[in-house]
C-alpha atoms as a PDB file:
ATOM      1  CA  MET A   1     -34.882   9.481 -25.005  1.00  0.00           C
ATOM      2  CA  ARG A   2     -35.437   8.764 -21.299  1.00  0.00           C
ATOM      3  CA  ARG A   3     -34.132   5.224 -21.754  1.00  0.00           C
ATOM      4  CA  ILE A   4     -30.827   6.522 -23.155  1.00  0.00           C
ATOM      5  CA  GLU A   5     -30.429   8.893 -20.212  1.00  0.00           C
ATOM      6  CA  VAL A   6     -31.037   6.070 -17.752  1.00  0.00           C
ATOM      7  CA  GLN A   7     -28.477   3.847 -19.519  1.00  0.00           C
ATOM      8  CA  GLU A   8     -25.880   6.640 -19.483  1.00  0.00           C
ATOM      9  CA  ARG A   9     -26.535   7.280 -15.803  1.00  0.00           C
ATOM     10  CA  ASP A  10     -26.231   3.577 -14.985  1.00  0.00           C
ATOM     11  CA  GLU A  11     -22.962   3.342 -16.913  1.00  0.00           C
ATOM     12  CA  LYS A  12     -21.563   6.369 -15.080  1.00  0.00           C
ATOM     13  CA  ASN A  13     -22.662   4.868 -11.746  1.00  0.00           C
ATOM     14  CA  ARG A  14     -20.864   1.591 -12.558  1.00  0.00           C
ATOM     15  CA  GLU A  15     -17.673   3.475 -13.442  1.00  0.00           C
ATOM     16  CA  LEU A  16     -17.804   5.493 -10.236  1.00  0.00           C
ATOM     17  CA  THR A  17     -18.544   2.400  -8.157  1.00  0.00           C
ATOM     18  CA  GLY A  18     -15.499   0.700  -9.682  1.00  0.00           C
ATOM     19  CA  LYS A  19     -13.306   3.697  -8.857  1.00  0.00           C
ATOM     20  CA  VAL A  20     -14.604   3.834  -5.282  1.00  0.00           C
ATOM     21  CA  ASN A  21     -13.966   0.103  -4.799  1.00  0.00           C
ATOM     22  CA  SER A  22     -10.448   0.472  -6.181  1.00  0.00           C
ATOM     23  CA  LEU A  23      -9.695   3.383  -3.860  1.00  0.00           C
ATOM     24  CA  GLN A  24     -11.081   1.457  -0.876  1.00  0.00           C
ATOM     25  CA  ARG A  25      -8.802  -1.502  -1.652  1.00  0.00           C
ATOM     26  CA  GLU A  26      -5.804   0.817  -1.974  1.00  0.00           C
ATOM     27  CA  LEU A  27      -6.649   2.528   1.322  1.00  0.00           C
ATOM     28  CA  SER A  28      -7.022  -0.839   3.022  1.00  0.00           C
ATOM     29  CA  ARG A  29      -3.589  -1.935   1.767  1.00  0.00           C
ATOM     30  CA  LYS A  30      -1.992   1.294   2.981  1.00  0.00           C
ATOM     31  CA  ASP A  31      -3.658   0.990   6.387  1.00  0.00           C
ATOM     32  CA  LYS A  32      -2.296  -2.542   6.619  1.00  0.00           C
ATOM     33  CA  ASP A  33       1.202  -1.318   5.673  1.00  0.00           C
ATOM     34  CA  ILE A  34       1.068   1.377   8.360  1.00  0.00           C
ATOM     35  CA  LYS A  35      -0.079  -1.161  10.955  1.00  0.00           C
ATOM     36  CA  ASN A  36       2.787  -3.469   9.984  1.00  0.00           C
ATOM     37  CA  LEU A  37       5.254  -0.589  10.300  1.00  0.00           C
ATOM     38  CA  ARG A  38       3.979   0.326  13.725  1.00  0.00           C
ATOM     39  CA  ASP A  39       4.308  -3.310  14.785  1.00  0.00           C
ATOM     40  CA  ARG A  40       7.839  -3.429  13.405  1.00  0.00           C
ATOM     41  CA  LEU A  41       8.805  -0.204  15.154  1.00  0.00           C
ATOM     42  CA  SER A  42       7.496  -1.536  18.457  1.00  0.00           C
ATOM     43  CA  ASN A  43       9.710  -4.624  18.082  1.00  0.00           C
ATOM     44  CA  PRO A  44      13.312  -3.665  19.001  1.00  0.00           C
ATOM     45  CA  SER A  45      14.808  -6.438  16.885  1.00  0.00           C
ATOM     46  CA  GLN A  46      13.187  -5.046  13.741  1.00  0.00           C
ATOM     47  CA  VAL A  47      13.902  -1.337  14.342  1.00  0.00           C
ATOM     48  CA  GLN A  48      17.347  -1.848  12.802  1.00  0.00           C
ATOM     49  CA  ASP A  49      15.756  -3.230   9.615  1.00  0.00           C
ATOM     50  CA  VAL A  50      13.456  -0.208   9.372  1.00  0.00           C
ATOM     51  CA  ARG A  51      16.366   2.172   9.978  1.00  0.00           C
ATOM     52  CA  ARG A  52      18.389   0.456   7.228  1.00  0.00           C
ATOM     53  CA  MET A  53      15.425   0.682   4.877  1.00  0.00           C
ATOM     54  CA  LEU A  54      15.135   4.429   5.534  1.00  0.00           C
ATOM     55  CA  GLU A  55      18.839   5.048   5.038  1.00  0.00           C
ATOM     56  CA  ASP A  56      19.025   3.147   1.764  1.00  0.00           C
ATOM     57  CA  PRO A  57      15.587   2.274   0.336  1.00  0.00           C
ATOM     58  CA  LEU A  58      16.935   0.141  -2.510  1.00  0.00           C
ATOM     59  CA  LYS A  59      19.162  -1.866  -0.213  1.00  0.00           C
ATOM     60  CA  GLY A  60      16.239  -2.286   2.178  1.00  0.00           C
ATOM     61  CA  LEU A  61      14.038  -3.457  -0.679  1.00  0.00           C
ATOM     62  CA  HIS A  62      16.660  -5.958  -1.760  1.00  0.00           C
ATOM     63  CA  ALA A  63      17.025  -7.323   1.777  1.00  0.00           C
ATOM     64  CA  GLU A  64      13.267  -7.556   2.211  1.00  0.00           C
ATOM     65  CA  LYS A  65      12.858  -9.354  -1.100  1.00  0.00           C
ATOM     66  CA  LYS A  66      15.327 -12.034  -0.035  1.00  0.00           C
ATOM     67  CA  LYS A  67      13.474 -12.602   3.226  1.00  0.00           C
ATOM     68  CA  LYS A  68      10.058 -12.986   1.604  1.00  0.00           C
ATOM     69  CA  SER A  69       9.348 -15.556  -1.044  1.00  0.00           C
ATOM     70  CA  GLY A  70       5.874 -14.434  -2.116  1.00  0.00           C
ATOM     71  CA  SER A  71       5.179 -12.518  -5.271  1.00  0.00           C
ATOM     72  CA  GLY A  72       4.724  -8.788  -4.872  1.00  0.00           C
ATOM     73  CA  SER A  73       7.005  -8.543  -1.824  1.00  0.00           C
ATOM     74  CA  ARG A  74       9.076  -5.823  -3.459  1.00  0.00           C
ATOM     75  CA  THR A  75       5.961  -3.763  -4.166  1.00  0.00           C
ATOM     76  CA  SER A  76       4.668  -4.323  -0.651  1.00  0.00           C
ATOM     77  CA  THR A  77       7.996  -3.209   0.796  1.00  0.00           C
ATOM     78  CA  LEU A  78       7.968  -0.111  -1.395  1.00  0.00           C
ATOM     79  CA  PHE A  79       4.524   0.841  -0.081  1.00  0.00           C
ATOM     80  CA  THR A  80       5.810   0.137   3.421  1.00  0.00           C
ATOM     81  CA  TYR A  81       8.738   2.498   2.844  1.00  0.00           C
ATOM     82  CA  ILE A  82       6.462   5.207   1.451  1.00  0.00           C
ATOM     83  CA  SER A  83       4.023   4.769   4.338  1.00  0.00           C
ATOM     84  CA  LEU A  84       6.832   4.885   6.888  1.00  0.00           C
ATOM     85  CA  SER A  85       8.173   8.083   5.370  1.00  0.00           C
ATOM     86  CA  ARG A  86       4.725   9.648   5.727  1.00  0.00           C
ATOM     87  CA  VAL A  87       4.342   8.459   9.331  1.00  0.00           C
ATOM     88  CA  ILE A  88       7.738   9.870  10.306  1.00  0.00           C
ATOM     89  CA  ASN A  89       7.236  13.166   8.476  1.00  0.00           C
END
């Protein structure tokens, strides 16, 4: 009986550890996005790009996707847009 309880507890601990690790990775990505936005906003030549992205998010995403060639750039830009909206609001 005790052995079953220990196994259940260990399984629950593994699940929770996985969730915590996932949330930490997500938080790290969002922190990185916010840092990138702050860097972009401090650079006058890129403020126009950020403004365009805020005015028309889909157009901004399309423009960003053309500039970057890596996979996941559209997703990264979407998180950047969401993060920027939160920073401004």
